[in-house]
Amino acid sequence: GDDARVADTATELKMWLRRALEDNPELSAELLKLVHE
């Protein structure tokens, strides 16, 4: 029931994805496809 850890992991993943998209904006199409799927 550690909701804070869940939120921390979500933030960590968001930052990881942001770095990937900043470095390679062309990845946005693939991420969008995965999100929808």
Full PDB file with SEQRES, HELIX, SHEET, SSBOND, CRYST1, ORIGX, SCALE, CONECT and MASTER records, all heavy atoms in Angstrom:
SEQRES   1 A   37  GLY ASP ASP ALA ARG VAL ALA ASP THR ALA THR GLU LEU          
SEQRES   2 A   37  LYS MET TRP LEU ARG ARG ALA LEU GLU ASP ASN PRO GLU          
SEQRES   3 A   37  LEU SER ALA GLU LEU LEU LYS LEU VAL HIS GLU                  
HELIX    1 AA1 ASP A    3  ASP A   23  1                                  21    
HELIX    2 AA2 PRO A   25  LEU A   27  5                                   3    
HELIX    3 AA3 SER A   28  HIS A   36  1                                   9    
CRYST1    1.000    1.000    1.000  90.00  90.00  90.00 P 1           1          
ORIGX1      1.000000  0.000000  0.000000        0.00000                         
ORIGX2      0.000000  1.000000  0.000000        0.00000                         
ORIGX3      0.000000  0.000000  1.000000        0.00000                         
SCALE1      1.000000  0.000000  0.000000        0.00000                         
SCALE2      0.000000  1.000000  0.000000        0.00000                         
SCALE3      0.000000  0.000000  1.000000        0.00000                         
ATOM      1  N   GLY A   1       0.802  -1.218   0.000  1.00  0.00           N  
ATOM      2  CA  GLY A   1       0.000   0.000   0.000  1.00  0.00           C  
ATOM      3  C   GLY A   1       0.837   1.270   0.000  1.00  0.00           C  
ATOM      4  O   GLY A   1       0.377   2.334   0.417  1.00  0.00           O  
ATOM      5  N   ASP A   2       2.069   1.189  -0.484  1.00  0.00           N  
ATOM      6  CA  ASP A   2       2.984   2.335  -0.503  1.00  0.00           C  
ATOM      7  C   ASP A   2       2.738   3.178  -1.758  1.00  0.00           C  
ATOM      8  O   ASP A   2       3.435   3.064  -2.760  1.00  0.00           O  
ATOM      9  CB  ASP A   2       4.424   1.834  -0.453  1.00  0.00           C  
ATOM     10  CG  ASP A   2       5.448   2.949  -0.341  1.00  0.00           C  
ATOM     11  OD1 ASP A   2       5.066   4.140  -0.359  1.00  0.00           O  
ATOM     12  OD2 ASP A   2       6.647   2.634  -0.237  1.00  0.00           O  
ATOM     13  N   ASP A   3       1.720   4.046  -1.695  1.00  0.00           N  
ATOM     14  CA  ASP A   3       1.362   4.886  -2.840  1.00  0.00           C  
ATOM     15  C   ASP A   3       2.472   5.859  -3.216  1.00  0.00           C  
ATOM     16  O   ASP A   3       2.615   6.222  -4.388  1.00  0.00           O  
ATOM     17  CB  ASP A   3       0.077   5.659  -2.553  1.00  0.00           C  
ATOM     18  CG  ASP A   3      -1.126   4.743  -2.438  1.00  0.00           C  
ATOM     19  OD1 ASP A   3      -1.087   3.627  -2.997  1.00  0.00           O  
ATOM     20  OD2 ASP A   3      -2.106   5.132  -1.785  1.00  0.00           O  
ATOM     21  N   ALA A   4       3.267   6.277  -2.245  1.00  0.00           N  
ATOM     22  CA  ALA A   4       4.364   7.211  -2.530  1.00  0.00           C  
ATOM     23  C   ALA A   4       5.394   6.568  -3.451  1.00  0.00           C  
ATOM     24  O   ALA A   4       5.915   7.213  -4.365  1.00  0.00           O  
ATOM     25  CB  ALA A   4       5.027   7.674  -1.238  1.00  0.00           C  
ATOM     26  N   ARG A   5       5.687   5.298  -3.244  1.00  0.00           N  
ATOM     27  CA  ARG A   5       6.658   4.592  -4.095  1.00  0.00           C  
ATOM     28  C   ARG A   5       6.118   4.463  -5.516  1.00  0.00           C  
ATOM     29  O   ARG A   5       6.849   4.582  -6.486  1.00  0.00           O  
ATOM     30  CB  ARG A   5       6.975   3.212  -3.517  1.00  0.00           C  
ATOM     31  CG  ARG A   5       7.970   2.420  -4.301  1.00  0.00           C  
ATOM     32  CD  ARG A   5       9.351   3.070  -4.254  1.00  0.00           C  
ATOM     33  NE  ARG A   5       9.925   3.003  -5.579  1.00  0.00           N  
ATOM     34  CZ  ARG A   5      10.850   3.811  -6.061  1.00  0.00           C  
ATOM     35  NH1 ARG A   5      11.329   4.773  -5.322  1.00  0.00           N  
ATOM     36  NH2 ARG A   5      11.301   3.678  -7.262  1.00  0.00           N  
ATOM     37  N   VAL A   6       4.835   4.214  -5.649  1.00  0.00           N  
ATOM     38  CA  VAL A   6       4.216   4.130  -6.974  1.00  0.00           C  
ATOM     39  C   VAL A   6       4.363   5.476  -7.691  1.00  0.00           C  
ATOM     40  O   VAL A   6       4.750   5.539  -8.858  1.00  0.00           O  
ATOM     41  CB  VAL A   6       2.734   3.703  -6.877  1.00  0.00           C  
ATOM     42  CG1 VAL A   6       2.055   3.778  -8.231  1.00  0.00           C  
ATOM     43  CG2 VAL A   6       2.624   2.294  -6.292  1.00  0.00           C  
ATOM     44  N   ALA A   7       4.081   6.560  -6.975  1.00  0.00           N  
ATOM     45  CA  ALA A   7       4.199   7.903  -7.559  1.00  0.00           C  
ATOM     46  C   ALA A   7       5.651   8.209  -7.928  1.00  0.00           C  
ATOM     47  O   ALA A   7       5.918   8.795  -8.983  1.00  0.00           O  
ATOM     48  CB  ALA A   7       3.659   8.946  -6.598  1.00  0.00           C  
ATOM     49  N   ASP A   8       6.596   7.802  -7.079  1.00  0.00           N  
ATOM     50  CA  ASP A   8       8.014   8.022  -7.370  1.00  0.00           C  
ATOM     51  C   ASP A   8       8.441   7.275  -8.639  1.00  0.00           C  
ATOM     52  O   ASP A   8       9.177   7.811  -9.462  1.00  0.00           O  
ATOM     53  CB  ASP A   8       8.891   7.559  -6.203  1.00  0.00           C  
ATOM     54  CG  ASP A   8       8.777   8.470  -4.988  1.00  0.00           C  
ATOM     55  OD1 ASP A   8       8.208   9.576  -5.111  1.00  0.00           O  
ATOM     56  OD2 ASP A   8       9.250   8.052  -3.912  1.00  0.00           O  
ATOM     57  N   THR A   9       7.965   6.056  -8.787  1.00  0.00           N  
ATOM     58  CA  THR A   9       8.311   5.277  -9.970  1.00  0.00           C  
ATOM     59  C   THR A   9       7.708   5.902 -11.221  1.00  0.00           C  
ATOM     60  O   THR A   9       8.352   5.964 -12.266  1.00  0.00           O  
ATOM     61  CB  THR A   9       7.855   3.816  -9.814  1.00  0.00           C  
ATOM     62  OG1 THR A   9       8.500   3.273  -8.658  1.00  0.00           O  
ATOM     63  CG2 THR A   9       8.211   2.983 -11.031  1.00  0.00           C  
ATOM     64  N   ALA A  10       6.487   6.388 -11.121  1.00  0.00           N  
ATOM     65  CA  ALA A  10       5.853   7.064 -12.256  1.00  0.00           C  
ATOM     66  C   ALA A  10       6.657   8.293 -12.662  1.00  0.00           C  
ATOM     67  O   ALA A  10       6.877   8.542 -13.850  1.00  0.00           O  
ATOM     68  CB  ALA A  10       4.417   7.448 -11.922  1.00  0.00           C  
ATOM     69  N   THR A  11       7.126   9.045 -11.687  1.00  0.00           N  
ATOM     70  CA  THR A  11       7.940  10.228 -11.974  1.00  0.00           C  
ATOM     71  C   THR A  11       9.269   9.829 -12.615  1.00  0.00           C  
ATOM     72  O   THR A  11       9.719  10.461 -13.578  1.00  0.00           O  
ATOM     73  CB  THR A  11       8.197  11.029 -10.682  1.00  0.00           C  
ATOM     74  OG1 THR A  11       6.934  11.445 -10.155  1.00  0.00           O  
ATOM     75  CG2 THR A  11       9.075  12.236 -10.927  1.00  0.00           C  
ATOM     76  N   GLU A  12       9.879   8.775 -12.102  1.00  0.00           N  
ATOM     77  CA  GLU A  12      11.140   8.283 -12.661  1.00  0.00           C  
ATOM     78  C   GLU A  12      10.955   7.845 -14.120  1.00  0.00           C  
ATOM     79  O   GLU A  12      11.771   8.183 -14.993  1.00  0.00           O  
ATOM     80  CB  GLU A  12      11.632   7.116 -11.802  1.00  0.00           C  
ATOM     81  CG  GLU A  12      13.010   6.618 -12.140  1.00  0.00           C  
ATOM     82  CD  GLU A  12      13.469   5.514 -11.195  1.00  0.00           C  
ATOM     83  OE1 GLU A  12      12.805   5.216 -10.188  1.00  0.00           O  
ATOM     84  OE2 GLU A  12      14.523   4.938 -11.506  1.00  0.00           O  
ATOM     85  N   LEU A  13       9.879   7.138 -14.389  1.00  0.00           N  
ATOM     86  CA  LEU A  13       9.599   6.713 -15.762  1.00  0.00           C  
ATOM     87  C   LEU A  13       9.317   7.903 -16.677  1.00  0.00           C  
ATOM     88  O   LEU A  13       9.762   7.941 -17.826  1.00  0.00           O  
ATOM     89  CB  LEU A  13       8.413   5.753 -15.785  1.00  0.00           C  
ATOM     90  CG  LEU A  13       8.716   4.323 -15.346  1.00  0.00           C  
ATOM     91  CD1 LEU A  13       7.432   3.565 -15.084  1.00  0.00           C  
ATOM     92  CD2 LEU A  13       9.559   3.620 -16.399  1.00  0.00           C  
ATOM     93  N   LYS A  14       8.590   8.875 -16.162  1.00  0.00           N  
ATOM     94  CA  LYS A  14       8.294  10.070 -16.955  1.00  0.00           C  
ATOM     95  C   LYS A  14       9.586  10.784 -17.346  1.00  0.00           C  
ATOM     96  O   LYS A  14       9.758  11.181 -18.504  1.00  0.00           O  
ATOM     97  CB  LYS A  14       7.389  11.008 -16.160  1.00  0.00           C  
ATOM     98  CG  LYS A  14       7.064  12.291 -16.886  1.00  0.00           C  
ATOM     99  CD  LYS A  14       6.181  13.176 -16.035  1.00  0.00           C  
ATOM    100  CE  LYS A  14       5.985  14.529 -16.662  1.00  0.00           C  
ATOM    101  NZ  LYS A  14       5.173  15.418 -15.807  1.00  0.00           N  
ATOM    102  N   MET A  15      10.508  10.925 -16.398  1.00  0.00           N  
ATOM    103  CA  MET A  15      11.777  11.595 -16.700  1.00  0.00           C  
ATOM    104  C   MET A  15      12.600  10.784 -17.704  1.00  0.00           C  
ATOM    105  O   MET A  15      13.241  11.347 -18.595  1.00  0.00           O  
ATOM    106  CB  MET A  15      12.567  11.833 -15.412  1.00  0.00           C  
ATOM    107  CG  MET A  15      11.877  12.795 -14.445  1.00  0.00           C  
ATOM    108  SD  MET A  15      11.375  14.370 -15.206  1.00  0.00           S  
ATOM    109  CE  MET A  15      12.952  15.039 -15.681  1.00  0.00           C  
ATOM    110  N   TRP A  16      12.590   9.485 -17.559  1.00  0.00           N  
ATOM    111  CA  TRP A  16      13.310   8.609 -18.489  1.00  0.00           C  
ATOM    112  C   TRP A  16      12.745   8.771 -19.900  1.00  0.00           C  
ATOM    113  O   TRP A  16      13.487   8.934 -20.869  1.00  0.00           O  
ATOM    114  CB  TRP A  16      13.196   7.183 -17.993  1.00  0.00           C  
ATOM    115  CG  TRP A  16      14.042   6.163 -18.690  1.00  0.00           C  
ATOM    116  CD1 TRP A  16      14.951   6.360 -19.699  1.00  0.00           C  
ATOM    117  CD2 TRP A  16      14.051   4.767 -18.429  1.00  0.00           C  
ATOM    118  NE1 TRP A  16      15.516   5.170 -20.076  1.00  0.00           N  
ATOM    119  CE2 TRP A  16      14.987   4.174 -19.310  1.00  0.00           C  
ATOM    120  CE3 TRP A  16      13.361   3.949 -17.546  1.00  0.00           C  
ATOM    121  CZ2 TRP A  16      15.242   2.802 -19.326  1.00  0.00           C  
ATOM    122  CZ3 TRP A  16      13.634   2.591 -17.566  1.00  0.00           C  
ATOM    123  CH2 TRP A  16      14.563   2.026 -18.433  1.00  0.00           C  
ATOM    124  N   LEU A  17      11.429   8.756 -20.008  1.00  0.00           N  
ATOM    125  CA  LEU A  17      10.795   8.942 -21.314  1.00  0.00           C  
ATOM    126  C   LEU A  17      11.064  10.337 -21.878  1.00  0.00           C  
ATOM    127  O   LEU A  17      11.307  10.491 -23.080  1.00  0.00           O  
ATOM    128  CB  LEU A  17       9.289   8.689 -21.213  1.00  0.00           C  
ATOM    129  CG  LEU A  17       8.887   7.224 -21.073  1.00  0.00           C  
ATOM    130  CD1 LEU A  17       7.429   7.105 -20.649  1.00  0.00           C  
ATOM    131  CD2 LEU A  17       9.130   6.486 -22.384  1.00  0.00           C  
ATOM    132  N   ARG A  18      11.021  11.343 -21.030  1.00  0.00           N  
ATOM    133  CA  ARG A  18      11.303  12.709 -21.502  1.00  0.00           C  
ATOM    134  C   ARG A  18      12.708  12.801 -22.071  1.00  0.00           C  
ATOM    135  O   ARG A  18      12.928  13.394 -23.128  1.00  0.00           O  
ATOM    136  CB  ARG A  18      11.128  13.722 -20.364  1.00  0.00           C  
ATOM    137  CG  ARG A  18       9.689  14.039 -20.070  1.00  0.00           C  
ATOM    138  CD  ARG A  18       9.555  15.078 -19.006  1.00  0.00           C  
ATOM    139  NE  ARG A  18      10.088  16.354 -19.485  1.00  0.00           N  
ATOM    140  CZ  ARG A  18      10.044  17.480 -18.788  1.00  0.00           C  
ATOM    141  NH1 ARG A  18       9.485  17.483 -17.589  1.00  0.00           N  
ATOM    142  NH2 ARG A  18      10.533  18.584 -19.263  1.00  0.00           N  
ATOM    143  N   ARG A  19      13.687  12.203 -21.365  1.00  0.00           N  
ATOM    144  CA  ARG A  19      15.061  12.224 -21.882  1.00  0.00           C  
ATOM    145  C   ARG A  19      15.149  11.510 -23.229  1.00  0.00           C  
ATOM    146  O   ARG A  19      15.810  11.993 -24.154  1.00  0.00           O  
ATOM    147  CB  ARG A  19      16.022  11.591 -20.873  1.00  0.00           C  
ATOM    148  CG  ARG A  19      16.386  12.490 -19.721  1.00  0.00           C  
ATOM    149  CD  ARG A  19      17.532  11.925 -18.899  1.00  0.00           C  
ATOM    150  NE  ARG A  19      17.255  10.614 -18.347  1.00  0.00           N  
ATOM    151  CZ  ARG A  19      16.601  10.384 -17.212  1.00  0.00           C  
ATOM    152  NH1 ARG A  19      16.147  11.393 -16.502  1.00  0.00           N  
ATOM    153  NH2 ARG A  19      16.405   9.151 -16.791  1.00  0.00           N  
ATOM    154  N   ALA A  20      14.486  10.372 -23.331  1.00  0.00           N  
ATOM    155  CA  ALA A  20      14.513   9.628 -24.598  1.00  0.00           C  
ATOM    156  C   ALA A  20      13.901  10.458 -25.723  1.00  0.00           C  
ATOM    157  O   ALA A  20      14.441  10.509 -26.833  1.00  0.00           O  
ATOM    158  CB  ALA A  20      13.769   8.301 -24.443  1.00  0.00           C  
ATOM    159  N   LEU A  21      12.786  11.133 -25.442  1.00  0.00           N  
ATOM    160  CA  LEU A  21      12.129  11.955 -26.471  1.00  0.00           C  
ATOM    161  C   LEU A  21      12.923  13.215 -26.792  1.00  0.00           C  
ATOM    162  O   LEU A  21      12.931  13.658 -27.946  1.00  0.00           O  
ATOM    163  CB  LEU A  21      10.707  12.311 -26.030  1.00  0.00           C  
ATOM    164  CG  LEU A  21       9.730  11.133 -25.932  1.00  0.00           C  
ATOM    165  CD1 LEU A  21       8.419  11.590 -25.316  1.00  0.00           C  
ATOM    166  CD2 LEU A  21       9.510  10.493 -27.295  1.00  0.00           C  
ATOM    167  N   GLU A  22      13.565  13.800 -25.792  1.00  0.00           N  
ATOM    168  CA  GLU A  22      14.406  14.980 -26.050  1.00  0.00           C  
ATOM    169  C   GLU A  22      15.586  14.607 -26.935  1.00  0.00           C  
ATOM    170  O   GLU A  22      15.941  15.350 -27.855  1.00  0.00           O  
ATOM    171  CB  GLU A  22      14.909  15.575 -24.736  1.00  0.00           C  
ATOM    172  CG  GLU A  22      13.862  16.320 -23.964  1.00  0.00           C  
ATOM    173  CD  GLU A  22      14.329  16.726 -22.574  1.00  0.00           C  
ATOM    174  OE1 GLU A  22      15.369  16.216 -22.087  1.00  0.00           O  
ATOM    175  OE2 GLU A  22      13.645  17.569 -21.962  1.00  0.00           O  
ATOM    176  N   ASP A  23      16.203  13.451 -26.650  1.00  0.00           N  
ATOM    177  CA  ASP A  23      17.363  13.015 -27.425  1.00  0.00           C  
ATOM    178  C   ASP A  23      16.976  12.541 -28.821  1.00  0.00           C  
ATOM    179  O   ASP A  23      17.743  12.683 -29.760  1.00  0.00           O  
ATOM    180  CB  ASP A  23      18.099  11.875 -26.704  1.00  0.00           C  
ATOM    181  CG  ASP A  23      18.754  12.333 -25.405  1.00  0.00           C  
ATOM    182  OD1 ASP A  23      18.890  13.568 -25.201  1.00  0.00           O  
ATOM    183  OD2 ASP A  23      19.103  11.459 -24.589  1.00  0.00           O  
ATOM    184  N   ASN A  24      15.779  11.942 -28.931  1.00  0.00           N  
ATOM    185  CA  ASN A  24      15.331  11.368 -30.194  1.00  0.00           C  
ATOM    186  C   ASN A  24      13.840  11.658 -30.399  1.00  0.00           C  
ATOM    187  O   ASN A  24      13.001  10.783 -30.171  1.00  0.00           O  
ATOM    188  CB  ASN A  24      15.551   9.850 -30.213  1.00  0.00           C  
ATOM    189  CG  ASN A  24      16.999   9.478 -30.066  1.00  0.00           C  
ATOM    190  OD1 ASN A  24      17.821   9.864 -30.881  1.00  0.00           O  
ATOM    191  ND2 ASN A  24      17.310   8.733 -29.024  1.00  0.00           N  
ATOM    192  N   PRO A  25      13.483  12.876 -30.822  1.00  0.00           N  
ATOM    193  CA  PRO A  25      12.064  13.216 -30.999  1.00  0.00           C  
ATOM    194  C   PRO A  25      11.319  12.276 -31.941  1.00  0.00           C  
ATOM    195  O   PRO A  25      10.112  12.112 -31.826  1.00  0.00           O  
ATOM    196  CB  PRO A  25      12.098  14.640 -31.558  1.00  0.00           C  
ATOM    197  CG  PRO A  25      13.418  15.184 -31.142  1.00  0.00           C  
ATOM    198  CD  PRO A  25      14.356  14.006 -31.112  1.00  0.00           C  
ATOM    199  N   GLU A  26      12.045  11.610 -32.829  1.00  0.00           N  
ATOM    200  CA  GLU A  26      11.389  10.685 -33.747  1.00  0.00           C  
ATOM    201  C   GLU A  26      10.807   9.464 -33.031  1.00  0.00           C  
ATOM    202  O   GLU A  26       9.973   8.746 -33.585  1.00  0.00           O  
ATOM    203  CB  GLU A  26      12.345  10.240 -34.861  1.00  0.00           C  
ATOM    204  CG  GLU A  26      13.526   9.419 -34.398  1.00  0.00           C  
ATOM    205  CD  GLU A  26      14.707  10.216 -33.858  1.00  0.00           C  
ATOM    206  OE1 GLU A  26      14.640  11.453 -33.803  1.00  0.00           O  
ATOM    207  OE2 GLU A  26      15.707   9.588 -33.471  1.00  0.00           O  
ATOM    208  N   LEU A  27      11.201   9.240 -31.771  1.00  0.00           N  
ATOM    209  CA  LEU A  27      10.638   8.138 -30.990  1.00  0.00           C  
ATOM    210  C   LEU A  27       9.194   8.403 -30.559  1.00  0.00           C  
ATOM    211  O   LEU A  27       8.498   7.485 -30.125  1.00  0.00           O  
ATOM    212  CB  LEU A  27      11.480   7.878 -29.736  1.00  0.00           C  
ATOM    213  CG  LEU A  27      12.896   7.360 -29.944  1.00  0.00           C  
ATOM    214  CD1 LEU A  27      13.614   7.258 -28.613  1.00  0.00           C  
ATOM    215  CD2 LEU A  27      12.871   6.026 -30.658  1.00  0.00           C  
ATOM    216  N   SER A  28       8.741   9.650 -30.677  1.00  0.00           N  
ATOM    217  CA  SER A  28       7.395   9.984 -30.214  1.00  0.00           C  
ATOM    218  C   SER A  28       6.326   9.183 -30.951  1.00  0.00           C  
ATOM    219  O   SER A  28       5.331   8.781 -30.355  1.00  0.00           O  
ATOM    220  CB  SER A  28       7.131  11.485 -30.323  1.00  0.00           C  
ATOM    221  OG  SER A  28       7.186  11.905 -31.663  1.00  0.00           O  
ATOM    222  N   ALA A  29       6.524   8.921 -32.228  1.00  0.00           N  
ATOM    223  CA  ALA A  29       5.535   8.139 -32.982  1.00  0.00           C  
ATOM    224  C   ALA A  29       5.431   6.722 -32.428  1.00  0.00           C  
ATOM    225  O   ALA A  29       4.329   6.186 -32.269  1.00  0.00           O  
ATOM    226  CB  ALA A  29       5.894   8.109 -34.462  1.00  0.00           C  
ATOM    227  N   GLU A  30       6.564   6.116 -32.107  1.00  0.00           N  
ATOM    228  CA  GLU A  30       6.543   4.756 -31.553  1.00  0.00           C  
ATOM    229  C   GLU A  30       5.943   4.744 -30.154  1.00  0.00           C  
ATOM    230  O   GLU A  30       5.152   3.863 -29.823  1.00  0.00           O  
ATOM    231  CB  GLU A  30       7.960   4.171 -31.521  1.00  0.00           C  
ATOM    232  CG  GLU A  30       8.042   2.772 -30.929  1.00  0.00           C  
ATOM    233  CD  GLU A  30       7.284   1.706 -31.715  1.00  0.00           C  
ATOM    234  OE1 GLU A  30       6.977   1.913 -32.898  1.00  0.00           O  
ATOM    235  OE2 GLU A  30       7.004   0.647 -31.126  1.00  0.00           O  
ATOM    236  N   LEU A  31       6.282   5.733 -29.329  1.00  0.00           N  
ATOM    237  CA  LEU A  31       5.707   5.788 -27.978  1.00  0.00           C  
ATOM    238  C   LEU A  31       4.204   6.009 -28.053  1.00  0.00           C  
ATOM    239  O   LEU A  31       3.441   5.368 -27.323  1.00  0.00           O  
ATOM    240  CB  LEU A  31       6.377   6.874 -27.140  1.00  0.00           C  
ATOM    241  CG  LEU A  31       5.851   7.014 -25.711  1.00  0.00           C  
ATOM    242  CD1 LEU A  31       5.940   5.696 -24.944  1.00  0.00           C  
ATOM    243  CD2 LEU A  31       6.599   8.117 -24.983  1.00  0.00           C  
ATOM    244  N   LEU A  32       3.766   6.884 -28.926  1.00  0.00           N  
ATOM    245  CA  LEU A  32       2.332   7.125 -29.090  1.00  0.00           C  
ATOM    246  C   LEU A  32       1.622   5.837 -29.511  1.00  0.00           C  
ATOM    247  O   LEU A  32       0.558   5.493 -28.985  1.00  0.00           O  
ATOM    248  CB  LEU A  32       2.089   8.226 -30.118  1.00  0.00           C  
ATOM    249  CG  LEU A  32       0.647   8.646 -30.330  1.00  0.00           C  
ATOM    250  CD1 LEU A  32       0.029   9.189 -29.048  1.00  0.00           C  
ATOM    251  CD2 LEU A  32       0.572   9.700 -31.429  1.00  0.00           C  
ATOM    252  N   LYS A  33       2.223   5.097 -30.409  1.00  0.00           N  
ATOM    253  CA  LYS A  33       1.666   3.820 -30.847  1.00  0.00           C  
ATOM    254  C   LYS A  33       1.564   2.841 -29.672  1.00  0.00           C  
ATOM    255  O   LYS A  33       0.537   2.180 -29.488  1.00  0.00           O  
ATOM    256  CB  LYS A  33       2.546   3.239 -31.956  1.00  0.00           C  
ATOM    257  CG  LYS A  33       2.088   1.915 -32.497  1.00  0.00           C  
ATOM    258  CD  LYS A  33       3.042   1.442 -33.584  1.00  0.00           C  
ATOM    259  CE  LYS A  33       2.707   0.046 -34.037  1.00  0.00           C  
ATOM    260  NZ  LYS A  33       3.682  -0.456 -35.008  1.00  0.00           N  
ATOM    261  N   LEU A  34       2.614   2.757 -28.856  1.00  0.00           N  
ATOM    262  CA  LEU A  34       2.601   1.857 -27.705  1.00  0.00           C  
ATOM    263  C   LEU A  34       1.563   2.280 -26.674  1.00  0.00           C  
ATOM    264  O   LEU A  34       0.865   1.433 -26.106  1.00  0.00           O  
ATOM    265  CB  LEU A  34       3.991   1.802 -27.056  1.00  0.00           C  
ATOM    266  CG  LEU A  34       5.074   1.085 -27.845  1.00  0.00           C  
ATOM    267  CD1 LEU A  34       6.432   1.282 -27.192  1.00  0.00           C  
ATOM    268  CD2 LEU A  34       4.755  -0.392 -27.995  1.00  0.00           C  
ATOM    269  N   VAL A  35       1.454   3.578 -26.428  1.00  0.00           N  
ATOM    270  CA  VAL A  35       0.463   4.081 -25.465  1.00  0.00           C  
ATOM    271  C   VAL A  35      -0.943   3.699 -25.923  1.00  0.00           C  
ATOM    272  O   VAL A  35      -1.747   3.199 -25.144  1.00  0.00           O  
ATOM    273  CB  VAL A  35       0.595   5.606 -25.272  1.00  0.00           C  
ATOM    274  CG1 VAL A  35      -0.617   6.182 -24.562  1.00  0.00           C  
ATOM    275  CG2 VAL A  35       1.865   5.929 -24.499  1.00  0.00           C  
ATOM    276  N   HIS A  36      -1.235   3.917 -27.185  1.00  0.00           N  
ATOM    277  CA  HIS A  36      -2.566   3.583 -27.705  1.00  0.00           C  
ATOM    278  C   HIS A  36      -2.819   2.074 -27.656  1.00  0.00           C  
ATOM    279  O   HIS A  36      -3.931   1.637 -27.372  1.00  0.00           O  
ATOM    280  CB  HIS A  36      -2.749   4.091 -29.134  1.00  0.00           C  
ATOM    281  CG  HIS A  36      -3.032   5.547 -29.207  1.00  0.00           C  
ATOM    282  ND1 HIS A  36      -4.199   6.102 -28.746  1.00  0.00           N  
ATOM    283  CD2 HIS A  36      -2.281   6.575 -29.672  1.00  0.00           C  
ATOM    284  CE1 HIS A  36      -4.158   7.405 -28.928  1.00  0.00           C  
ATOM    285  NE2 HIS A  36      -3.013   7.729 -29.481  1.00  0.00           N  
ATOM    286  N   GLU A  37      -1.800   1.299 -27.922  1.00  0.00           N  
ATOM    287  CA  GLU A  37      -1.957  -0.150 -27.945  1.00  0.00           C  
ATOM    288  C   GLU A  37      -2.148  -0.748 -26.550  1.00  0.00           C  
ATOM    289  O   GLU A  37      -2.940  -1.668 -26.369  1.00  0.00           O  
ATOM    290  CB  GLU A  37      -0.728  -0.786 -28.601  1.00  0.00           C  
ATOM    291  CG  GLU A  37      -0.833  -2.272 -28.777  1.00  0.00           C  
ATOM    292  CD  GLU A  37       0.349  -2.840 -29.552  1.00  0.00           C  
ATOM    293  OE1 GLU A  37       0.999  -2.091 -30.312  1.00  0.00           O  
ATOM    294  OE2 GLU A  37       0.612  -4.040 -29.381  1.00  0.00           O  
TER     295      GLU A  37                                                      
MASTER        0    0    0    3    0    0    0    6  294    1    0    3          
END                                                                             
